[in-house]
Amino acid sequence: MAALGRGAIGFAPFGMDDADYFNYPLGAKSFDDATIHAFASKFGVLGAAMRPWAKIAFAHPTWGAARPDDGTPLSTTMGDWTVTASFGQWQFGQREWFPNADTPAWDKAMVGGMVVAQLSANEFLFTGDHVRVQFGSREGAPANGMIVKVEEGHFEGDNWVFDRIWNGDQTDYGLNIIDKPVWLKVTMGRYR
């Protein structure tokens, strides 16, 4: 995800064939379903969108993030908006609101990432996994920024196909994409 957000045209992990050779600690300890799923779920959501993503990334600003070793949130500014990726978050609220809430099982795991494109001044397209993505006004921009609409969808050829609207608990605390990557189109706006 981080590579795609920086202009890469693809990504291929080395040594994903079942040859009974594992270069641990540089690679996985074993070649099992969990190892394959760690890559397959991301390749699945990206694979169906690579041609439209390449066109979008050629014409629009992009950014990608992968969970850093210390798990701290990562942010970037795109136009008047700040995009923040955070990792290991409880899905229904901010951690400081509920300090005793159970954290997800993967809270400390080295998983999580996202890639985003700014389609217009107030519209973004992104996907990721094990990540909370938040959009807000950048420092110095007009105040009162908010999410107006979040569409989940997919691509058929180069065309965006709307599947459903996210709202309520799905958007109140950031956009949480856990273990099933999906494409989301976010429209931002401002209130008075």
N, C-alpha and C. Protein backbone atom coordinates (compact mmCIF):
# COMPACT_ATOMS: atom_id res chain seq x y z
N MET A 1 0.83 -1.18 0.00
CA MET A 1 0.00 0.00 0.00
C MET A 1 0.88 1.25 0.00
N ALA A 2 1.90 1.24 0.83
CA ALA A 2 2.78 2.41 0.89
C ALA A 2 3.47 2.64 -0.45
N ALA A 3 3.90 1.57 -1.10
CA ALA A 3 4.58 1.70 -2.40
C ALA A 3 3.62 2.25 -3.46
N LEU A 4 2.40 1.76 -3.49
CA LEU A 4 1.42 2.25 -4.47
C LEU A 4 1.10 3.72 -4.25
N GLY A 5 1.11 4.15 -3.01
CA GLY A 5 0.84 5.55 -2.70
C GLY A 5 1.96 6.48 -3.07
N ARG A 6 3.09 5.91 -3.43
CA ARG A 6 4.24 6.72 -3.82
C ARG A 6 4.59 6.55 -5.29
N GLY A 7 3.64 6.07 -6.07
CA GLY A 7 3.82 6.00 -7.51
C GLY A 7 4.27 4.67 -8.07
N ALA A 8 4.42 3.64 -7.24
CA ALA A 8 4.78 2.33 -7.77
C ALA A 8 3.67 1.81 -8.67
N ILE A 9 4.04 1.07 -9.69
CA ILE A 9 3.03 0.53 -10.60
C ILE A 9 2.67 -0.91 -10.24
N GLY A 10 3.27 -1.44 -9.20
CA GLY A 10 2.95 -2.80 -8.76
C GLY A 10 3.83 -3.20 -7.60
N PHE A 11 3.56 -4.39 -7.10
CA PHE A 11 4.31 -4.91 -5.96
C PHE A 11 4.24 -6.42 -6.04
N ALA A 12 5.37 -7.09 -5.87
CA ALA A 12 5.37 -8.55 -5.88
C ALA A 12 6.28 -9.06 -4.77
N PRO A 13 5.73 -9.84 -3.85
CA PRO A 13 6.57 -10.40 -2.78
C PRO A 13 7.47 -11.48 -3.34
N PHE A 14 8.66 -11.57 -2.81
CA PHE A 14 9.63 -12.56 -3.24
C PHE A 14 9.42 -13.86 -2.46
N GLY A 15 9.55 -14.98 -3.14
CA GLY A 15 9.54 -16.27 -2.47
C GLY A 15 8.18 -16.75 -2.03
N MET A 16 7.13 -16.48 -2.79
CA MET A 16 5.79 -16.92 -2.41
C MET A 16 5.43 -18.27 -3.02
N ASP A 17 6.39 -18.97 -3.59
CA ASP A 17 6.12 -20.28 -4.14
C ASP A 17 6.36 -21.34 -3.06
N ASP A 18 5.66 -22.45 -3.16
CA ASP A 18 5.76 -23.52 -2.17
C ASP A 18 6.93 -24.43 -2.53
N ALA A 19 8.14 -24.03 -2.09
CA ALA A 19 9.34 -24.79 -2.44
C ALA A 19 10.01 -25.43 -1.23
N ASP A 20 9.29 -25.47 -0.10
CA ASP A 20 9.85 -26.00 1.14
C ASP A 20 11.11 -25.27 1.58
N TYR A 21 11.29 -24.04 1.11
CA TYR A 21 12.42 -23.23 1.53
C TYR A 21 11.86 -21.94 2.13
N PHE A 22 12.26 -21.62 3.34
CA PHE A 22 11.81 -20.41 4.00
C PHE A 22 13.04 -19.66 4.52
N ASN A 23 13.13 -18.41 4.21
CA ASN A 23 14.30 -17.65 4.61
C ASN A 23 14.04 -16.85 5.89
N TYR A 24 13.35 -17.47 6.85
CA TYR A 24 13.13 -16.84 8.14
C TYR A 24 14.47 -16.57 8.79
N PRO A 25 14.76 -15.43 9.35
CA PRO A 25 13.85 -14.38 9.79
C PRO A 25 13.59 -13.29 8.76
N LEU A 26 14.13 -13.41 7.56
CA LEU A 26 13.85 -12.40 6.53
C LEU A 26 12.46 -12.56 5.94
N GLY A 27 11.91 -13.75 6.02
CA GLY A 27 10.58 -14.02 5.48
C GLY A 27 9.73 -14.75 6.49
N ALA A 28 8.66 -15.35 6.00
CA ALA A 28 7.71 -16.06 6.87
C ALA A 28 8.34 -17.32 7.47
N LYS A 29 7.81 -17.73 8.63
CA LYS A 29 8.28 -18.95 9.28
C LYS A 29 7.78 -20.18 8.53
N SER A 30 6.64 -20.06 7.85
CA SER A 30 6.09 -21.20 7.13
C SER A 30 5.25 -20.70 5.96
N PHE A 31 4.93 -21.61 5.07
CA PHE A 31 4.10 -21.30 3.92
C PHE A 31 2.75 -21.95 4.16
N ASP A 32 1.86 -21.22 4.84
CA ASP A 32 0.56 -21.78 5.20
C ASP A 32 -0.54 -20.82 4.77
N ASP A 33 -1.80 -21.18 5.08
CA ASP A 33 -2.93 -20.36 4.65
C ASP A 33 -2.85 -18.94 5.22
N ALA A 34 -2.40 -18.79 6.46
CA ALA A 34 -2.30 -17.45 7.06
C ALA A 34 -1.28 -16.59 6.33
N THR A 35 -0.16 -17.19 5.95
CA THR A 35 0.86 -16.45 5.20
C THR A 35 0.31 -16.00 3.86
N ILE A 36 -0.36 -16.90 3.17
CA ILE A 36 -0.93 -16.55 1.86
C ILE A 36 -2.03 -15.50 2.01
N HIS A 37 -2.91 -15.65 3.00
CA HIS A 37 -4.01 -14.69 3.19
C HIS A 37 -3.50 -13.28 3.44
N ALA A 38 -2.37 -13.16 4.15
CA ALA A 38 -1.81 -11.84 4.44
C ALA A 38 -1.55 -11.05 3.16
N PHE A 39 -1.24 -11.75 2.08
CA PHE A 39 -1.02 -11.08 0.79
C PHE A 39 -2.26 -11.17 -0.09
N ALA A 40 -2.92 -12.29 -0.09
CA ALA A 40 -4.04 -12.51 -1.03
C ALA A 40 -5.18 -11.53 -0.83
N SER A 41 -5.51 -11.18 0.41
CA SER A 41 -6.62 -10.27 0.64
C SER A 41 -6.33 -8.89 0.03
N LYS A 42 -5.10 -8.43 0.14
CA LYS A 42 -4.73 -7.14 -0.44
C LYS A 42 -4.66 -7.23 -1.96
N PHE A 43 -4.05 -8.29 -2.47
CA PHE A 43 -3.96 -8.46 -3.92
C PHE A 43 -5.35 -8.59 -4.53
N GLY A 44 -6.28 -9.21 -3.79
CA GLY A 44 -7.65 -9.37 -4.29
C GLY A 44 -8.34 -8.05 -4.51
N VAL A 45 -8.30 -7.15 -3.53
CA VAL A 45 -8.97 -5.86 -3.68
C VAL A 45 -8.24 -4.97 -4.67
N LEU A 46 -6.92 -5.03 -4.70
CA LEU A 46 -6.16 -4.20 -5.64
C LEU A 46 -6.19 -4.74 -7.06
N GLY A 47 -6.20 -6.07 -7.19
CA GLY A 47 -6.15 -6.68 -8.51
C GLY A 47 -7.28 -6.26 -9.42
N ALA A 48 -8.49 -6.16 -8.86
CA ALA A 48 -9.65 -5.78 -9.66
C ALA A 48 -9.65 -4.30 -10.02
N ALA A 49 -8.74 -3.53 -9.42
CA ALA A 49 -8.75 -2.08 -9.65
C ALA A 49 -7.43 -1.55 -10.21
N MET A 50 -6.52 -2.41 -10.61
CA MET A 50 -5.20 -1.93 -11.00
C MET A 50 -5.22 -1.00 -12.22
N ARG A 51 -6.00 -1.31 -13.23
CA ARG A 51 -6.03 -0.42 -14.39
C ARG A 51 -6.65 0.93 -14.04
N PRO A 52 -7.81 0.96 -13.39
CA PRO A 52 -8.34 2.28 -13.02
C PRO A 52 -7.44 2.99 -12.00
N TRP A 53 -6.84 2.23 -11.06
CA TRP A 53 -5.96 2.88 -10.09
C TRP A 53 -4.76 3.51 -10.80
N ALA A 54 -4.18 2.82 -11.77
CA ALA A 54 -3.03 3.38 -12.49
C ALA A 54 -3.42 4.70 -13.18
N LYS A 55 -4.59 4.75 -13.76
CA LYS A 55 -5.05 5.98 -14.41
C LYS A 55 -5.30 7.08 -13.39
N ILE A 56 -5.91 6.72 -12.26
CA ILE A 56 -6.17 7.69 -11.20
C ILE A 56 -4.85 8.21 -10.64
N ALA A 57 -3.92 7.31 -10.35
CA ALA A 57 -2.64 7.70 -9.76
C ALA A 57 -1.81 8.55 -10.72
N PHE A 58 -1.98 8.36 -12.01
CA PHE A 58 -1.26 9.17 -12.99
C PHE A 58 -1.77 10.61 -12.99
N ALA A 59 -3.07 10.78 -12.76
CA ALA A 59 -3.70 12.10 -12.89
C ALA A 59 -3.96 12.81 -11.56
N HIS A 60 -3.82 12.12 -10.43
CA HIS A 60 -4.20 12.70 -9.14
C HIS A 60 -3.15 12.43 -8.08
N PRO A 61 -3.10 13.27 -7.04
CA PRO A 61 -2.17 13.01 -5.92
C PRO A 61 -2.55 11.72 -5.19
N THR A 62 -1.54 10.97 -4.79
CA THR A 62 -1.76 9.74 -4.03
C THR A 62 -0.84 9.72 -2.81
N TRP A 63 -1.20 8.89 -1.85
CA TRP A 63 -0.37 8.67 -0.66
C TRP A 63 -0.68 7.29 -0.12
N GLY A 64 0.34 6.64 0.38
CA GLY A 64 0.16 5.33 1.00
C GLY A 64 0.88 5.26 2.33
N ALA A 65 0.39 4.40 3.19
CA ALA A 65 0.98 4.23 4.51
C ALA A 65 0.96 2.77 4.90
N ALA A 66 1.99 2.36 5.61
CA ALA A 66 2.05 1.03 6.23
C ALA A 66 2.38 1.24 7.70
N ARG A 67 1.85 0.38 8.53
CA ARG A 67 2.07 0.52 9.98
C ARG A 67 3.56 0.59 10.28
N PRO A 68 4.00 1.65 10.97
CA PRO A 68 5.41 1.72 11.35
C PRO A 68 5.71 0.79 12.52
N ASP A 69 6.96 0.53 12.75
CA ASP A 69 7.36 -0.38 13.83
C ASP A 69 6.77 0.00 15.18
N ASP A 70 6.66 1.31 15.45
CA ASP A 70 6.13 1.73 16.75
C ASP A 70 4.62 1.91 16.75
N GLY A 71 3.96 1.68 15.62
CA GLY A 71 2.50 1.73 15.54
C GLY A 71 1.88 3.11 15.63
N THR A 72 2.69 4.17 15.54
CA THR A 72 2.14 5.51 15.63
C THR A 72 1.36 5.88 14.37
N PRO A 73 0.36 6.74 14.51
CA PRO A 73 -0.41 7.18 13.34
C PRO A 73 0.47 7.93 12.34
N LEU A 74 0.09 7.85 11.08
CA LEU A 74 0.78 8.55 10.01
C LEU A 74 -0.22 9.47 9.32
N SER A 75 0.23 10.66 8.92
CA SER A 75 -0.67 11.63 8.30
C SER A 75 -0.02 12.28 7.09
N THR A 76 -0.87 12.80 6.22
CA THR A 76 -0.43 13.62 5.11
C THR A 76 -1.47 14.69 4.86
N THR A 77 -1.08 15.70 4.14
CA THR A 77 -2.00 16.76 3.76
C THR A 77 -2.27 16.64 2.27
N MET A 78 -3.54 16.68 1.91
CA MET A 78 -3.96 16.65 0.51
C MET A 78 -4.95 17.81 0.32
N GLY A 79 -4.48 18.87 -0.31
CA GLY A 79 -5.33 20.04 -0.46
C GLY A 79 -5.65 20.64 0.89
N ASP A 80 -6.92 20.89 1.15
CA ASP A 80 -7.36 21.46 2.44
C ASP A 80 -7.61 20.41 3.50
N TRP A 81 -7.22 19.17 3.23
CA TRP A 81 -7.57 18.07 4.13
C TRP A 81 -6.33 17.33 4.64
N THR A 82 -6.44 16.83 5.86
CA THR A 82 -5.43 15.95 6.43
C THR A 82 -6.01 14.55 6.46
N VAL A 83 -5.23 13.60 5.98
CA VAL A 83 -5.61 12.19 5.99
C VAL A 83 -4.70 11.50 7.00
N THR A 84 -5.31 10.79 7.97
CA THR A 84 -4.54 10.12 9.02
C THR A 84 -4.87 8.64 9.03
N ALA A 85 -3.83 7.83 9.04
CA ALA A 85 -3.96 6.37 9.17
C ALA A 85 -3.48 5.99 10.56
N SER A 86 -4.32 5.29 11.33
CA SER A 86 -3.91 4.81 12.64
C SER A 86 -4.18 3.31 12.72
N PHE A 87 -3.50 2.67 13.65
CA PHE A 87 -3.43 1.22 13.66
C PHE A 87 -3.76 0.68 15.05
N GLY A 88 -4.37 -0.51 15.10
CA GLY A 88 -4.67 -1.17 16.36
C GLY A 88 -5.77 -0.48 17.15
N GLN A 89 -6.69 0.17 16.48
CA GLN A 89 -7.73 0.94 17.14
C GLN A 89 -8.97 0.10 17.44
N TRP A 90 -9.62 0.41 18.55
CA TRP A 90 -10.93 -0.13 18.87
C TRP A 90 -11.92 0.49 17.90
N GLN A 91 -12.87 -0.25 17.38
CA GLN A 91 -13.71 0.23 16.28
C GLN A 91 -14.78 1.24 16.68
N PHE A 92 -15.21 1.25 17.94
CA PHE A 92 -16.37 2.07 18.30
C PHE A 92 -16.01 3.18 19.28
N GLY A 93 -15.14 4.07 18.88
CA GLY A 93 -14.78 5.21 19.70
C GLY A 93 -13.28 5.42 19.72
N GLN A 94 -12.91 6.53 20.31
CA GLN A 94 -11.49 6.84 20.46
C GLN A 94 -10.96 6.14 21.70
N ARG A 95 -9.75 5.67 21.64
CA ARG A 95 -9.15 4.93 22.74
C ARG A 95 -9.18 5.73 24.04
N GLU A 96 -8.94 7.04 23.96
CA GLU A 96 -8.93 7.85 25.19
C GLU A 96 -10.30 7.96 25.83
N TRP A 97 -11.36 7.73 25.08
CA TRP A 97 -12.71 7.77 25.64
C TRP A 97 -13.00 6.53 26.49
N PHE A 98 -12.43 5.41 26.07
CA PHE A 98 -12.68 4.13 26.72
C PHE A 98 -11.35 3.44 27.02
N PRO A 99 -10.60 3.94 28.00
CA PRO A 99 -9.26 3.39 28.23
C PRO A 99 -9.25 1.92 28.63
N ASN A 100 -10.37 1.40 29.15
CA ASN A 100 -10.41 0.00 29.57
C ASN A 100 -11.06 -0.92 28.54
N ALA A 101 -11.40 -0.38 27.39
CA ALA A 101 -12.03 -1.20 26.35
C ALA A 101 -11.02 -2.23 25.82
N ASP A 102 -11.54 -3.36 25.43
CA ASP A 102 -10.69 -4.38 24.83
C ASP A 102 -10.12 -3.85 23.52
N THR A 103 -8.85 -4.08 23.31
CA THR A 103 -8.26 -3.73 22.03
C THR A 103 -8.39 -4.93 21.11
N PRO A 104 -8.32 -4.71 19.81
CA PRO A 104 -8.46 -5.84 18.89
C PRO A 104 -7.31 -6.83 19.06
N ALA A 105 -7.56 -8.07 18.69
CA ALA A 105 -6.56 -9.13 18.83
C ALA A 105 -5.28 -8.79 18.07
N TRP A 106 -5.37 -8.04 17.00
CA TRP A 106 -4.22 -7.69 16.17
C TRP A 106 -3.63 -6.33 16.55
N ASP A 107 -3.98 -5.80 17.69
CA ASP A 107 -3.55 -4.48 18.15
C ASP A 107 -2.05 -4.25 18.02
N LYS A 108 -1.25 -5.23 18.41
CA LYS A 108 0.21 -5.07 18.37
C LYS A 108 0.86 -5.75 17.16
N ALA A 109 0.06 -6.42 16.34
CA ALA A 109 0.61 -7.12 15.17
C ALA A 109 1.11 -6.13 14.14
N MET A 110 2.09 -6.52 13.38
CA MET A 110 2.65 -5.67 12.33
C MET A 110 1.82 -5.80 11.06
N VAL A 111 0.57 -5.38 11.16
CA VAL A 111 -0.33 -5.39 10.02
C VAL A 111 -0.96 -4.00 9.91
N GLY A 112 -1.38 -3.67 8.71
CA GLY A 112 -2.11 -2.43 8.50
C GLY A 112 -1.47 -1.55 7.46
N GLY A 113 -2.32 -0.99 6.63
CA GLY A 113 -1.86 -0.06 5.63
C GLY A 113 -3.01 0.45 4.81
N MET A 114 -2.75 1.48 4.01
CA MET A 114 -3.78 2.05 3.17
C MET A 114 -3.14 2.85 2.04
N VAL A 115 -3.94 3.07 1.00
CA VAL A 115 -3.53 3.92 -0.12
C VAL A 115 -4.73 4.80 -0.47
N VAL A 116 -4.47 6.07 -0.76
CA VAL A 116 -5.53 7.04 -1.03
C VAL A 116 -5.15 7.91 -2.22
N ALA A 117 -6.16 8.28 -2.99
CA ALA A 117 -6.00 9.24 -4.09
C ALA A 117 -6.99 10.38 -3.87
N GLN A 118 -6.54 11.60 -4.14
CA GLN A 118 -7.43 12.75 -4.07
C GLN A 118 -8.00 12.97 -5.46
N LEU A 119 -9.30 12.67 -5.62
CA LEU A 119 -9.95 12.74 -6.93
C LEU A 119 -10.33 14.16 -7.33
N SER A 120 -10.68 14.98 -6.34
CA SER A 120 -11.01 16.39 -6.56
C SER A 120 -10.72 17.11 -5.25
N ALA A 121 -11.05 18.39 -5.17
CA ALA A 121 -10.75 19.15 -3.96
C ALA A 121 -11.33 18.50 -2.71
N ASN A 122 -12.49 17.87 -2.83
CA ASN A 122 -13.18 17.33 -1.65
C ASN A 122 -13.52 15.85 -1.76
N GLU A 123 -12.93 15.13 -2.68
CA GLU A 123 -13.29 13.73 -2.89
C GLU A 123 -12.04 12.86 -2.93
N PHE A 124 -12.12 11.72 -2.22
CA PHE A 124 -10.99 10.81 -2.09
C PHE A 124 -11.43 9.38 -2.34
N LEU A 125 -10.51 8.56 -2.83
CA LEU A 125 -10.74 7.14 -3.04
C LEU A 125 -9.64 6.41 -2.29
N PHE A 126 -10.00 5.41 -1.47
CA PHE A 126 -8.95 4.68 -0.76
C PHE A 126 -9.38 3.26 -0.46
N THR A 127 -8.37 2.47 -0.13
CA THR A 127 -8.55 1.12 0.38
C THR A 127 -7.45 0.85 1.39
N GLY A 128 -7.62 -0.19 2.16
CA GLY A 128 -6.61 -0.56 3.14
C GLY A 128 -7.05 -1.77 3.92
N ASP A 129 -6.27 -2.12 4.92
CA ASP A 129 -6.68 -3.18 5.85
C ASP A 129 -6.02 -2.93 7.20
N HIS A 130 -6.71 -3.37 8.26
CA HIS A 130 -6.23 -3.19 9.63
C HIS A 130 -5.78 -1.74 9.86
N VAL A 131 -6.67 -0.81 9.49
CA VAL A 131 -6.35 0.60 9.57
C VAL A 131 -7.62 1.41 9.87
N ARG A 132 -7.45 2.48 10.60
CA ARG A 132 -8.52 3.48 10.75
C ARG A 132 -8.05 4.70 9.97
N VAL A 133 -8.90 5.18 9.07
CA VAL A 133 -8.57 6.35 8.26
C VAL A 133 -9.51 7.48 8.68
N GLN A 134 -8.91 8.62 8.97
CA GLN A 134 -9.68 9.79 9.35
C GLN A 134 -9.32 10.95 8.42
N PHE A 135 -10.34 11.71 8.06
CA PHE A 135 -10.19 12.89 7.23
C PHE A 135 -10.59 14.09 8.05
N GLY A 136 -9.83 15.16 7.99
CA GLY A 136 -10.16 16.38 8.71
C GLY A 136 -9.53 17.58 8.04
N SER A 137 -9.91 18.75 8.49
CA SER A 137 -9.35 19.99 7.94
C SER A 137 -7.87 20.07 8.27
N ARG A 138 -7.08 20.46 7.29
CA ARG A 138 -5.65 20.66 7.55
C ARG A 138 -5.47 21.93 8.36
N GLU A 139 -4.34 22.03 9.02
CA GLU A 139 -4.04 23.22 9.80
C GLU A 139 -4.03 24.44 8.88
N GLY A 140 -4.75 25.47 9.27
CA GLY A 140 -4.82 26.69 8.48
C GLY A 140 -5.93 26.72 7.45
N ALA A 141 -6.61 25.60 7.24
CA ALA A 141 -7.71 25.54 6.27
C ALA A 141 -8.99 26.02 6.96
N PRO A 142 -10.02 26.33 6.18
CA PRO A 142 -11.29 26.69 6.81
C PRO A 142 -11.73 25.60 7.79
N ALA A 143 -12.36 26.03 8.87
CA ALA A 143 -12.77 25.10 9.93
C ALA A 143 -14.02 24.33 9.55
N ASN A 144 -14.44 23.45 10.45
CA ASN A 144 -15.70 22.72 10.36
C ASN A 144 -15.76 21.72 9.21
N GLY A 145 -14.65 21.07 8.94
CA GLY A 145 -14.65 20.02 7.93
C GLY A 145 -15.33 18.77 8.45
N MET A 146 -16.01 18.08 7.57
CA MET A 146 -16.70 16.85 7.97
C MET A 146 -16.88 15.93 6.77
N ILE A 147 -17.08 14.66 7.08
CA ILE A 147 -17.42 13.69 6.04
C ILE A 147 -18.88 13.90 5.66
N VAL A 148 -19.13 14.06 4.37
CA VAL A 148 -20.49 14.23 3.87
C VAL A 148 -21.06 12.89 3.43
N LYS A 149 -20.22 12.09 2.75
CA LYS A 149 -20.71 10.81 2.23
C LYS A 149 -19.55 9.84 2.10
N VAL A 150 -19.82 8.57 2.41
CA VAL A 150 -18.85 7.49 2.21
C VAL A 150 -19.55 6.40 1.42
N GLU A 151 -19.03 6.12 0.22
CA GLU A 151 -19.56 5.05 -0.63
C GLU A 151 -18.59 3.89 -0.64
N GLU A 152 -19.10 2.70 -0.45
CA GLU A 152 -18.33 1.48 -0.70
C GLU A 152 -18.65 1.05 -2.10
N GLY A 153 -17.64 0.60 -2.84
CA GLY A 153 -17.89 0.19 -4.21
C GLY A 153 -16.77 -0.66 -4.75
N HIS A 154 -16.83 -0.86 -6.04
CA HIS A 154 -15.81 -1.64 -6.73
C HIS A 154 -15.69 -1.11 -8.15
N PHE A 155 -14.73 -1.64 -8.88
CA PHE A 155 -14.53 -1.23 -10.27
C PHE A 155 -14.96 -2.34 -11.21
N GLU A 156 -15.63 -1.95 -12.25
CA GLU A 156 -15.89 -2.84 -13.39
C GLU A 156 -15.26 -2.15 -14.58
N GLY A 157 -14.16 -2.73 -15.04
CA GLY A 157 -13.36 -2.03 -16.04
C GLY A 157 -12.81 -0.77 -15.39
N ASP A 158 -12.98 0.37 -16.05
CA ASP A 158 -12.52 1.64 -15.50
C ASP A 158 -13.61 2.36 -14.72
N ASN A 159 -14.77 1.77 -14.62
CA ASN A 159 -15.92 2.45 -14.02
C ASN A 159 -16.11 2.10 -12.55
N TRP A 160 -16.33 3.15 -11.73
CA TRP A 160 -16.65 2.99 -10.33
C TRP A 160 -18.10 2.53 -10.22
N VAL A 161 -18.35 1.47 -9.48
CA VAL A 161 -19.70 0.95 -9.27
C VAL A 161 -20.01 1.06 -7.78
N PHE A 162 -21.03 1.85 -7.46
CA PHE A 162 -21.46 2.05 -6.09
C PHE A 162 -22.15 0.79 -5.58
N ASP A 163 -21.77 0.35 -4.36
CA ASP A 163 -22.41 -0.81 -3.74
C ASP A 163 -23.31 -0.42 -2.58
N ARG A 164 -22.82 0.43 -1.68
CA ARG A 164 -23.62 0.83 -0.52
C ARG A 164 -23.03 2.06 0.14
N ILE A 165 -23.84 2.72 0.97
CA ILE A 165 -23.42 3.89 1.74
C ILE A 165 -22.99 3.44 3.14
N TRP A 166 -21.90 3.98 3.64
CA TRP A 166 -21.50 3.80 5.03
C TRP A 166 -22.05 4.98 5.82
N ASN A 167 -22.56 4.72 7.02
CA ASN A 167 -23.00 5.80 7.89
C ASN A 167 -23.02 5.32 9.33
N GLY A 168 -23.47 6.20 10.23
CA GLY A 168 -23.60 5.82 11.64
C GLY A 168 -22.32 5.29 12.23
N ASP A 169 -22.39 4.10 12.84
CA ASP A 169 -21.23 3.52 13.51
C ASP A 169 -20.08 3.25 12.56
N GLN A 170 -20.33 3.18 11.28
CA GLN A 170 -19.27 2.91 10.31
C GLN A 170 -18.42 4.14 10.03
N THR A 171 -18.92 5.34 10.35
CA THR A 171 -18.19 6.56 10.03
C THR A 171 -17.92 7.46 11.23
N ASP A 172 -18.57 7.21 12.35
CA ASP A 172 -18.49 8.14 13.48
C ASP A 172 -17.11 8.25 14.10
N TYR A 173 -16.31 7.22 14.06
CA TYR A 173 -15.03 7.21 14.76
C TYR A 173 -13.86 7.03 13.81
N GLY A 174 -14.02 7.43 12.59
CA GLY A 174 -13.04 7.15 11.55
C GLY A 174 -13.53 5.97 10.74
N LEU A 175 -12.92 5.76 9.62
CA LEU A 175 -13.32 4.68 8.71
C LEU A 175 -12.42 3.48 8.98
N ASN A 176 -12.97 2.48 9.64
CA ASN A 176 -12.22 1.30 10.04
C ASN A 176 -12.35 0.21 8.99
N ILE A 177 -11.22 -0.14 8.41
CA ILE A 177 -11.18 -1.30 7.52
C ILE A 177 -10.31 -2.32 8.24
N ILE A 178 -10.92 -3.42 8.57
CA ILE A 178 -10.22 -4.39 9.40
C ILE A 178 -9.60 -5.49 8.53
N ASP A 179 -10.20 -6.66 8.47
CA ASP A 179 -9.57 -7.78 7.79
C ASP A 179 -10.12 -8.06 6.41
N LYS A 180 -11.03 -7.23 5.92
CA LYS A 180 -11.57 -7.41 4.57
C LYS A 180 -11.44 -6.08 3.83
N PRO A 181 -10.37 -5.92 3.06
CA PRO A 181 -10.18 -4.65 2.35
C PRO A 181 -11.33 -4.37 1.38
N VAL A 182 -11.76 -3.11 1.36
CA VAL A 182 -12.79 -2.64 0.43
C VAL A 182 -12.35 -1.28 -0.11
N TRP A 183 -12.96 -0.87 -1.22
CA TRP A 183 -12.74 0.46 -1.77
C TRP A 183 -13.80 1.40 -1.23
N LEU A 184 -13.37 2.58 -0.77
CA LEU A 184 -14.29 3.59 -0.27
C LEU A 184 -14.03 4.91 -1.00
N LYS A 185 -15.11 5.58 -1.38
CA LYS A 185 -15.04 6.92 -1.94
C LYS A 185 -15.62 7.87 -0.90
N VAL A 186 -14.81 8.84 -0.47
CA VAL A 186 -15.18 9.76 0.61
C VAL A 186 -15.36 11.16 0.03
N THR A 187 -16.49 11.76 0.34
CA THR A 187 -16.74 13.16 -0.03
C THR A 187 -16.73 13.99 1.24
N MET A 188 -15.90 15.02 1.24
CA MET A 188 -15.77 15.92 2.38
C MET A 188 -16.54 17.22 2.12
N GLY A 189 -16.87 17.91 3.19
CA GLY A 189 -17.56 19.20 3.08
C GLY A 189 -17.37 19.98 4.36
N ARG A 190 -18.06 21.11 4.44
CA ARG A 190 -17.95 21.98 5.62
C ARG A 190 -19.35 22.42 6.04
N TYR A 191 -19.52 22.64 7.33
CA TYR A 191 -20.79 23.16 7.84
C TYR A 191 -20.52 24.53 8.46
N ARG A 192 -21.56 25.32 8.61
CA ARG A 192 -21.40 26.66 9.20
C ARG A 192 -21.80 26.67 10.63
